[in-house]
Structure formats: C-alpha cells, structure tokens
C-alpha atoms as a PDB file:
ATOM      1  CA  MET A   1      -8.227  26.895   7.491  1.00  0.00           C
ATOM      2  CA  LYS A   2     -10.448  29.619   7.862  1.00  0.00           C
ATOM      3  CA  ASN A   3     -11.754  30.657  11.805  1.00  0.00           C
ATOM      4  CA  HIS A   4      -9.612  27.726  13.157  1.00  0.00           C
ATOM      5  CA  PHE A   5      -6.437  29.352  13.698  1.00  0.00           C
ATOM      6  CA  SER A   6      -4.657  32.930  14.009  1.00  0.00           C
ATOM      7  CA  PHE A   7      -1.974  33.517  11.828  1.00  0.00           C
ATOM      8  CA  TYR A   8       0.857  35.945  11.670  1.00  0.00           C
ATOM      9  CA  GLY A   9       0.233  35.981   7.782  1.00  0.00           C
ATOM     10  CA  ILE A  10       4.206  34.869   7.024  1.00  0.00           C
ATOM     11  CA  SER A  11       3.825  33.024   3.659  1.00  0.00           C
ATOM     12  CA  LYS A  12       5.738  29.585   3.940  1.00  0.00           C
ATOM     13  CA  PRO A  13       8.740  30.657   1.340  1.00  0.00           C
ATOM     14  CA  GLN A  14       9.205  33.521   3.841  1.00  0.00           C
ATOM     15  CA  ARG A  15       8.980  31.396   6.894  1.00  0.00           C
ATOM     16  CA  ALA A  16      11.727  29.187   5.268  1.00  0.00           C
ATOM     17  CA  VAL A  17      14.043  31.998   5.088  1.00  0.00           C
ATOM     18  CA  ILE A  18      13.579  33.448   8.693  1.00  0.00           C
ATOM     19  CA  GLN A  19      13.838  29.964  10.180  1.00  0.00           C
ATOM     20  CA  LYS A  20      16.334  28.304   8.011  1.00  0.00           C
ATOM     21  CA  PRO A  21      19.587  29.316  10.523  1.00  0.00           C
ATOM     22  CA  PHE A  22      17.858  27.760  13.295  1.00  0.00           C
ATOM     23  CA  ILE A  23      16.166  24.952  11.507  1.00  0.00           C
ATOM     24  CA  GLY A  24      19.478  23.927  10.367  1.00  0.00           C
ATOM     25  CA  MET A  25      21.454  24.232  13.865  1.00  0.00           C
ATOM     26  CA  CYS A  26      18.547  21.723  15.023  1.00  0.00           C
ATOM     27  CA  LYS A  27      19.722  19.039  12.836  1.00  0.00           C
ATOM     28  CA  ALA A  28      22.849  18.117  15.419  1.00  0.00           C
ATOM     29  CA  GLN A  29      20.703  18.774  18.748  1.00  0.00           C
ATOM     30  CA  LYS A  30      19.262  16.028  21.351  1.00  0.00           C
ATOM     31  CA  SER A  31      15.961  15.464  21.685  1.00  0.00           C
ATOM     32  CA  SER A  32      16.491  16.570  25.140  1.00  0.00           C
ATOM     33  CA  GLU A  33      17.444  20.023  24.033  1.00  0.00           C
ATOM     34  CA  LEU A  34      14.693  20.199  21.611  1.00  0.00           C
ATOM     35  CA  ILE A  35      11.412  19.052  23.425  1.00  0.00           C
ATOM     36  CA  PRO A  36      11.102  21.818  25.453  1.00  0.00           C
ATOM     37  CA  VAL A  37      11.729  24.069  22.731  1.00  0.00           C
ATOM     38  CA  VAL A  38       8.967  22.548  20.551  1.00  0.00           C
ATOM     39  CA  SER A  39       6.523  22.403  23.572  1.00  0.00           C
ATOM     40  CA  GLN A  40       6.710  25.859  24.482  1.00  0.00           C
ATOM     41  CA  LEU A  41       6.342  26.652  20.909  1.00  0.00           C
ATOM     42  CA  TRP A  42       3.831  24.448  20.096  1.00  0.00           C
ATOM     43  CA  LYS A  43       1.519  26.562  22.809  1.00  0.00           C
ATOM     44  CA  LEU A  44       1.530  29.744  20.708  1.00  0.00           C
ATOM     45  CA  PRO A  45      -1.333  30.796  19.107  1.00  0.00           C
ATOM     46  CA  GLU A  46      -0.449  31.989  15.615  1.00  0.00           C
ATOM     47  CA  ARG A  47      -0.536  28.732  13.536  1.00  0.00           C
ATOM     48  CA  GLU A  48       3.128  29.614  11.530  1.00  0.00           C
ATOM     49  CA  ASN A  49       4.284  28.170  15.354  1.00  0.00           C
ATOM     50  CA  GLN A  50       2.947  25.016  14.916  1.00  0.00           C
ATOM     51  CA  TYR A  51       4.501  24.482  10.832  1.00  0.00           C
ATOM     52  CA  THR A  52       8.124  25.866  12.715  1.00  0.00           C
ATOM     53  CA  CYS A  53       8.057  22.786  15.569  1.00  0.00           C
ATOM     54  CA  LEU A  54       7.203  20.426  12.591  1.00  0.00           C
ATOM     55  CA  ASP A  55      10.178  21.715  10.586  1.00  0.00           C
ATOM     56  CA  ILE A  56      12.007  21.371  13.720  1.00  0.00           C
ATOM     57  CA  LEU A  57      11.143  18.133  14.233  1.00  0.00           C
ATOM     58  CA  ASP A  58      11.761  16.626  10.878  1.00  0.00           C
ATOM     59  CA  ALA A  59      15.327  18.505  11.104  1.00  0.00           C
ATOM     60  CA  ALA A  60      16.050  16.368  14.173  1.00  0.00           C
ATOM     61  CA  ARG A  61      14.466  13.194  13.016  1.00  0.00           C
ATOM     62  CA  ARG A  62      18.104  11.308  13.107  1.00  0.00           C
ATOM     63  CA  GLN A  63      18.377  11.919  16.526  1.00  0.00           C
ATOM     64  CA  ALA A  64      14.585  11.004  17.528  1.00  0.00           C
ATOM     65  CA  ASP A  65      14.371   9.090  20.225  1.00  0.00           C
ATOM     66  CA  ASP A  66      11.527   7.186  22.198  1.00  0.00           C
ATOM     67  CA  ASP A  67      11.044  10.782  24.326  1.00  0.00           C
ATOM     68  CA  MET A  68      10.804  12.718  21.417  1.00  0.00           C
ATOM     69  CA  PHE A  69       8.293   9.866  19.884  1.00  0.00           C
ATOM     70  CA  LYS A  70       6.003  10.811  22.966  1.00  0.00           C
ATOM     71  CA  VAL A  71       5.861  14.303  21.883  1.00  0.00           C
ATOM     72  CA  TYR A  72       5.012  13.628  18.387  1.00  0.00           C
ATOM     73  CA  ILE A  73       1.741  11.717  19.628  1.00  0.00           C
ATOM     74  CA  GLU A  74       1.106  14.375  22.170  1.00  0.00           C
ATOM     75  CA  LEU A  75       0.715  17.156  19.205  1.00  0.00           C
ATOM     76  CA  VAL A  76      -1.166  14.790  17.671  1.00  0.00           C
ATOM     77  CA  THR A  77      -4.480  15.615  19.587  1.00  0.00           C
ATOM     78  CA  ASP A  78      -3.630  19.272  20.370  1.00  0.00           C
ATOM     79  CA  LYS A  79      -4.142  22.028  17.932  1.00  0.00           C
ATOM     80  CA  SER A  80      -5.535  19.142  16.098  1.00  0.00           C
ATOM     81  CA  TRP A  81      -5.921  19.798  12.025  1.00  0.00           C
ATOM     82  CA  TRP A  82      -5.280  17.784   9.044  1.00  0.00           C
ATOM     83  CA  ASP A  83      -2.537  20.250   7.806  1.00  0.00           C
ATOM     84  CA  THR A  84      -0.077  18.894  11.148  1.00  0.00           C
ATOM     85  CA  VAL A  85      -1.407  15.492  11.866  1.00  0.00           C
ATOM     86  CA  ASP A  86      -0.413  14.308   8.335  1.00  0.00           C
ATOM     87  CA  ILE A  87       2.725  15.506   8.826  1.00  0.00           C
ATOM     88  CA  LEU A  88       2.882  13.640  12.139  1.00  0.00           C
ATOM     89  CA  ALA A  89       1.501  10.930  10.758  1.00  0.00           C
ATOM     90  CA  SER A  90       3.229   9.787   7.455  1.00  0.00           C
ATOM     91  CA  ASN A  91       6.505  11.504   8.176  1.00  0.00           C
ATOM     92  CA  LEU A  92       7.570  11.586  11.672  1.00  0.00           C
ATOM     93  CA  ILE A  93       5.735   8.826  13.520  1.00  0.00           C
ATOM     94  CA  GLY A  94       5.402   6.677  10.221  1.00  0.00           C
ATOM     95  CA  GLY A  95       9.301   7.241   9.863  1.00  0.00           C
ATOM     96  CA  TYR A  96      10.070   6.846  13.331  1.00  0.00           C
ATOM     97  CA  CYS A  97       8.322   3.381  13.609  1.00  0.00           C
ATOM     98  CA  MET A  98       9.384   1.925  10.270  1.00  0.00           C
ATOM     99  CA  GLN A  99      12.415  -0.104  11.170  1.00  0.00           C
ATOM    100  CA  LYS A 100      10.286  -2.084  14.446  1.00  0.00           C
ATOM    101  CA  HIS A 101       6.852  -1.723  13.027  1.00  0.00           C
ATOM    102  CA  LYS A 102       5.549  -4.631  14.099  1.00  0.00           C
ATOM    103  CA  ASP A 103       6.246  -3.416  17.663  1.00  0.00           C
ATOM    104  CA  TYR A 104       3.599  -0.829  16.945  1.00  0.00           C
ATOM    105  CA  LYS A 105       1.236  -2.519  15.620  1.00  0.00           C
ATOM    106  CA  PRO A 106      -0.633  -2.712  18.918  1.00  0.00           C
ATOM    107  CA  MET A 107      -0.908   0.747  19.260  1.00  0.00           C
ATOM    108  CA  PHE A 108      -1.971   1.756  15.954  1.00  0.00           C
ATOM    109  CA  ILE A 109      -4.817  -0.770  16.017  1.00  0.00           C
ATOM    110  CA  GLU A 110      -5.545   1.219  19.314  1.00  0.00           C
ATOM    111  CA  PHE A 111      -5.706   4.465  17.542  1.00  0.00           C
ATOM    112  CA  SER A 112      -7.815   2.835  14.932  1.00  0.00           C
ATOM    113  CA  MET A 113     -10.201   2.335  17.741  1.00  0.00           C
ATOM    114  CA  HIS A 114     -10.027   5.552  19.587  1.00  0.00           C
ATOM    115  CA  ASP A 115     -12.882   8.079  19.685  1.00  0.00           C
ATOM    116  CA  ASN A 116     -10.367  10.573  18.782  1.00  0.00           C
ATOM    117  CA  ILE A 117     -10.658  11.119  14.727  1.00  0.00           C
ATOM    118  CA  TRP A 118      -6.756  12.510  14.455  1.00  0.00           C
ATOM    119  CA  LEU A 119      -5.520   9.483  16.243  1.00  0.00           C
ATOM    120  CA  ASN A 120      -7.976   7.652  13.523  1.00  0.00           C
ATOM    121  CA  ARG A 121      -6.156   9.274  11.166  1.00  0.00           C
ATOM    122  CA  VAL A 122      -2.653   8.635  12.128  1.00  0.00           C
ATOM    123  CA  ALA A 123      -3.303   4.696  12.353  1.00  0.00           C
ATOM    124  CA  LEU A 124      -4.475   5.082   8.497  1.00  0.00           C
ATOM    125  CA  LEU A 125      -1.798   7.446   7.189  1.00  0.00           C
ATOM    126  CA  HIS A 126       1.426   6.027   9.227  1.00  0.00           C
ATOM    127  CA  GLN A 127       2.159   3.815   6.330  1.00  0.00           C
ATOM    128  CA  LEU A 128       1.684   6.213   3.116  1.00  0.00           C
ATOM    129  CA  LYS A 129       5.713   6.063   2.227  1.00  0.00           C
ATOM    130  CA  TYR A 130       6.180   2.638   3.510  1.00  0.00           C
ATOM    131  CA  LYS A 131       5.491   1.241  -0.507  1.00  0.00           C
ATOM    132  CA  HIS A 132       6.318  -2.542  -0.329  1.00  0.00           C
ATOM    133  CA  ARG A 133       6.947  -2.394   3.385  1.00  0.00           C
ATOM    134  CA  THR A 134       3.403  -1.822   3.940  1.00  0.00           C
ATOM    135  CA  ASP A 135       1.866  -3.995   6.425  1.00  0.00           C
ATOM    136  CA  GLU A 136      -1.786  -4.923   4.183  1.00  0.00           C
ATOM    137  CA  LYS A 137      -3.207  -6.786   7.092  1.00  0.00           C
ATOM    138  CA  LEU A 138      -2.851  -3.856   9.592  1.00  0.00           C
ATOM    139  CA  LEU A 139      -4.025  -1.443   7.153  1.00  0.00           C
ATOM    140  CA  ILE A 140      -6.871  -3.735   6.703  1.00  0.00           C
ATOM    141  CA  ASP A 141      -7.688  -3.747  10.077  1.00  0.00           C
ATOM    142  CA  CYS A 142      -7.551  -0.268  10.997  1.00  0.00           C
ATOM    143  CA  ILE A 143      -9.835   0.576   8.366  1.00  0.00           C
ATOM    144  CA  SER A 144     -12.019  -2.196   9.121  1.00  0.00           C
ATOM    145  CA  ASN A 145     -12.006  -0.536  12.614  1.00  0.00           C
ATOM    146  CA  CYS A 146     -13.039   3.133  12.022  1.00  0.00           C
ATOM    147  CA  LYS A 147     -14.724   2.684   8.532  1.00  0.00           C
ATOM    148  CA  HIS A 148     -18.141   2.996  10.186  1.00  0.00           C
ATOM    149  CA  LYS A 149     -17.568   6.756  11.303  1.00  0.00           C
ATOM    150  CA  LYS A 150     -19.278   9.323   9.060  1.00  0.00           C
ATOM    151  CA  GLU A 151     -16.120  11.997   9.785  1.00  0.00           C
ATOM    152  CA  PHE A 152     -15.033  13.318   6.649  1.00  0.00           C
ATOM    153  CA  PHE A 153     -10.855  13.367   7.795  1.00  0.00           C
ATOM    154  CA  VAL A 154     -11.679   9.464   8.571  1.00  0.00           C
ATOM    155  CA  GLN A 155     -13.485   8.606   5.108  1.00  0.00           C
ATOM    156  CA  LYS A 156     -10.853  11.070   3.562  1.00  0.00           C
ATOM    157  CA  ALA A 157      -7.582   8.805   5.203  1.00  0.00           C
ATOM    158  CA  ILE A 158      -9.132   5.702   4.187  1.00  0.00           C
ATOM    159  CA  GLY A 159      -9.526   6.382   0.442  1.00  0.00           C
ATOM    160  CA  TRP A 160      -6.099   8.267   0.593  1.00  0.00           C
ATOM    161  CA  ALA A 161      -4.440   5.019   2.601  1.00  0.00           C
ATOM    162  CA  LEU A 162      -5.627   2.595  -0.046  1.00  0.00           C
ATOM    163  CA  ARG A 163      -5.050   4.903  -2.824  1.00  0.00           C
ATOM    164  CA  GLN A 164      -1.409   5.284  -2.036  1.00  0.00           C
ATOM    165  CA  HIS A 165      -0.855   1.490  -1.680  1.00  0.00           C
ATOM    166  CA  SER A 166      -2.624   0.763  -5.243  1.00  0.00           C
ATOM    167  CA  ARG A 167       0.838   1.829  -6.447  1.00  0.00           C
ATOM    168  CA  ILE A 168       2.147  -0.866  -5.139  1.00  0.00           C
ATOM    169  CA  ASN A 169      -0.178  -3.623  -5.348  1.00  0.00           C
ATOM    170  CA  PRO A 170      -3.502  -2.525  -7.504  1.00  0.00           C
ATOM    171  CA  ALA A 171      -4.836  -6.010  -7.542  1.00  0.00           C
ATOM    172  CA  PHE A 172      -5.050  -6.352  -3.746  1.00  0.00           C
ATOM    173  CA  ILE A 173      -6.920  -2.901  -3.395  1.00  0.00           C
ATOM    174  CA  LYS A 174      -9.177  -3.697  -6.391  1.00  0.00           C
ATOM    175  CA  ARG A 175     -10.074  -7.010  -4.606  1.00  0.00           C
ATOM    176  CA  TYR A 176     -10.760  -5.057  -1.243  1.00  0.00           C
ATOM    177  CA  CYS A 177     -12.723  -2.547  -2.776  1.00  0.00           C
ATOM    178  CA  ASP A 178     -15.012  -5.056  -4.303  1.00  0.00           C
ATOM    179  CA  LYS A 179     -15.338  -7.337  -1.306  1.00  0.00           C
ATOM    180  CA  HIS A 180     -15.917  -4.392   1.130  1.00  0.00           C
ATOM    181  CA  ALA A 181     -18.391  -1.706   1.712  1.00  0.00           C
ATOM    182  CA  LEU A 182     -16.835   1.754   1.988  1.00  0.00           C
ATOM    183  CA  SER A 183     -18.225   4.787   1.682  1.00  0.00           C
ATOM    184  CA  ASN A 184     -18.567   6.714  -1.662  1.00  0.00           C
ATOM    185  CA  LEU A 185     -15.671   9.119  -0.668  1.00  0.00           C
ATOM    186  CA  ALA A 186     -13.425   6.604   0.622  1.00  0.00           C
ATOM    187  CA  ARG A 187     -14.212   4.382  -2.403  1.00  0.00           C
ATOM    188  CA  ARG A 188     -13.673   7.090  -4.901  1.00  0.00           C
ATOM    189  CA  GLU A 189     -10.389   7.683  -3.478  1.00  0.00           C
ATOM    190  CA  ALA A 190      -8.919   4.509  -3.299  1.00  0.00           C
ATOM    191  CA  LEU A 191      -9.568   3.753  -7.097  1.00  0.00           C
ATOM    192  CA  LYS A 192      -8.386   6.963  -8.299  1.00  0.00           C
ATOM    193  CA  ILE A 193      -4.935   5.282  -9.767  1.00  0.00           C
ATOM    194  CA  ILE A 194      -6.746   2.257 -11.012  1.00  0.00           C
ATOM    195  CA  SER A 195      -9.707   3.968 -12.526  1.00  0.00           C
ATOM    196  CA  SER A 196      -7.189   6.461 -14.351  1.00  0.00           C
ATOM    197  CA  ALA A 197      -4.910   3.449 -15.493  1.00  0.00           C
ATOM    198  CA  LYS A 198      -8.282   1.578 -16.897  1.00  0.00           C
ATOM    199  CA  MET A 199      -9.400   5.014 -18.861  1.00  0.00           C
ATOM    200  CA  ASN A 200      -6.199   5.153 -20.254  1.00  0.00           C
ATOM    201  CA  LYS A 201      -6.320   2.250 -21.957  1.00  0.00           C
ATOM    202  CA  VAL A 202      -9.204   2.751 -23.496  1.00  0.00           C
END
C-alpha cells in the first residue's frame, strides 16, 4: 500500500467501532438510497473511505439490484488495488452472480480478455467462494485468455483461483497444471495445497 493512497491512520478495529451504527442502518436501505452515498464516499482520497464503502455494500448485499451491480463493476476500475478489487470480485460481484451464473459468463470472458488487469482479476477470482458450484470450464477459459500476461496481480490470481478449486477437485487442478504451461508463480500457488498434502503423506 506504500505510496499508493493517503490514509487517516484509522485501524480496522477502530473503524469498525466508529461506523457500526451506520453500517447497521445500511442493511435495510434500498440500492437507490445507498448508491449516492457510496459514490461520494469513494471519491474521497483517504483509503479508509473506500473500505467503509465496501462495508456498506457488503451489509446491503441482500438488497442489491442491477443498478448496484453496475456500481460494483465501476468501482473495480476506480482507485484500483488488490485490497478493494478482491472484495468486490469474490464477495460482491461473485455473490451477486452466483444464482444466475450462466447469464454472466459472457461478461467474465470479456473481462478476462480486457486490457485492464483488475477486470482480469475479477474474471479469475469471482468464483472463489463457489466451491462445488464452480464452473470449471469458465475458470479455465478465463485463465487461458490472460495467462500470457506477465503482470504479478494476474499471475497471482490465476494461482489463487486454481489453488482454491484444488480444495474441491484436486485431480482436475493437477491434470490442468500438468498439461498446460503456467508461470512459475501461478503454478506454485496453484499446487500449494496439493503439494502440502503429498508432503504430509511422506
């Protein structure tokens, strides 16, 4: 985070106490009421403001609609860094798309081919919490579309997505890693759990 953003210097536990009453109120608010608040708060320079926005959005997930989903996507490419993008990808975007995931496949394929590395990261990480619902073909298609990029945050996300799915289907991930060229970083991350399990058996 060094040199990327300015900070108030409020720790996460302190921030949780300060914003708790307001966040509680957000759970019952409609998207139309929260979008202006989030939009204005996100514009402020101090990083804690973006964290509070994400807490608001998380609290109001049950009320999220298509307008709020558009906000999720917009925030990915504004003040982008891993700390906000990963929450947007796996918690908010992934959570919103889970029930009708097949309807959003074209969007994630498009994200995986985009020039913006953070949209690549969303495509790779949005299924992190899907477990047995993970669309393996979509995961591999998204990886194939951006694995050529040398960007650290893309390669790390490839490894993380594969590693997470290895908890559910290790044989599938092992076969994929054996058959396809991956960067050293992505491969190492992908096989961490599988390699650890092998070591424990020795």
